[in-house]
Amino acid sequence: MAKRIEITVGADGNYSIDAMEGFGGQSCEQKTANIISILGGVEQDKKYKPEYFDPDGDNLNELWNGR
């Protein structure tokens, strides 16, 4: 699966980073940390998706919920 990260920059210069697809477990934090380091600034308002808690990337959350 391809990995995709979306970076949105507002008119005020603030930005948000969203690991959209292809990440399981904490791999998203490792990749986005590199981007934050390059862009500068301090991370604010961090939100975790269900995939963060699925380190094997096998979508167990979806299996448990019958999806």
Protein backbone atom coordinates (compact mmCIF):
# COMPACT_ATOMS: atom_id res chain seq x y z
CA MET A 1 0.00 0.00 0.00
CA ALA A 2 1.30 3.45 -0.89
CA LYS A 3 1.90 5.87 1.94
CA ARG A 4 0.38 9.33 1.82
CA ILE A 5 0.87 12.36 4.04
CA GLU A 6 -1.16 15.55 3.62
CA ILE A 7 0.29 18.90 4.69
CA THR A 8 -2.06 21.89 4.88
CA VAL A 9 -0.62 25.39 5.32
CA GLY A 10 -2.92 28.22 6.37
CA ALA A 11 -2.65 31.88 5.41
CA ASP A 12 -1.29 32.60 8.90
CA GLY A 13 1.62 30.17 8.33
CA ASN A 14 0.32 27.50 10.69
CA TYR A 15 0.21 24.02 9.28
CA SER A 16 -1.29 20.63 9.92
CA ILE A 17 0.09 17.24 8.96
CA ASP A 18 -2.11 14.21 8.44
CA ALA A 19 -0.73 10.72 7.82
CA MET A 20 -3.54 9.72 5.49
CA GLU A 21 -2.80 6.18 4.29
CA GLY A 22 -0.38 3.32 4.60
CA PHE A 23 0.82 3.76 8.16
CA GLY A 24 0.37 1.33 11.05
CA GLY A 25 1.38 1.78 14.64
CA GLN A 26 3.83 4.54 15.46
CA SER A 27 5.42 4.67 12.00
CA CYS A 28 3.28 7.73 11.25
CA GLU A 29 4.90 9.63 14.13
CA GLN A 30 8.37 8.81 12.88
CA LYS A 31 7.62 10.10 9.38
CA THR A 32 5.71 13.20 10.45
CA ALA A 33 8.40 14.07 13.02
CA ASN A 34 10.87 14.42 10.15
CA ILE A 35 8.52 16.79 8.34
CA ILE A 36 7.91 18.85 11.48
CA SER A 37 11.65 19.13 11.97
CA ILE A 38 12.10 20.46 8.43
CA LEU A 39 9.17 22.88 8.58
CA GLY A 40 9.99 24.06 12.09
CA GLY A 41 7.57 24.97 14.79
CA VAL A 42 6.04 23.06 17.63
CA GLU A 43 3.49 20.31 17.33
CA GLN A 44 0.08 21.27 18.67
CA ASP A 45 -3.24 19.49 18.95
CA LYS A 46 -2.01 15.97 18.13
CA LYS A 47 -4.77 13.48 17.36
CA TYR A 48 -4.37 9.73 16.93
CA LYS A 49 -6.28 7.62 14.44
CA PRO A 50 -7.25 3.98 15.12
CA GLU A 51 -4.33 2.84 12.93
CA TYR A 52 -1.92 4.25 15.52
CA PHE A 53 -3.05 1.59 17.96
CA ASP A 54 -2.67 -1.18 15.35
CA PRO A 55 1.11 -1.73 15.19
CA ASP A 56 0.89 -4.68 12.79
CA GLY A 57 -1.21 -2.73 10.30
CA ASP A 58 -3.65 -5.63 10.07
CA ASN A 59 -6.73 -3.51 10.77
CA LEU A 60 -7.84 -5.49 13.81
CA ASN A 61 -9.99 -2.55 14.85
CA GLU A 62 -12.08 -3.02 11.73
CA LEU A 63 -12.36 -6.78 12.28
CA TRP A 64 -13.58 -6.30 15.85
CA ASN A 65 -16.18 -3.78 14.67
CA GLY A 66 -17.41 -6.05 11.86
CA ARG A 67 -16.29 -3.83 8.97
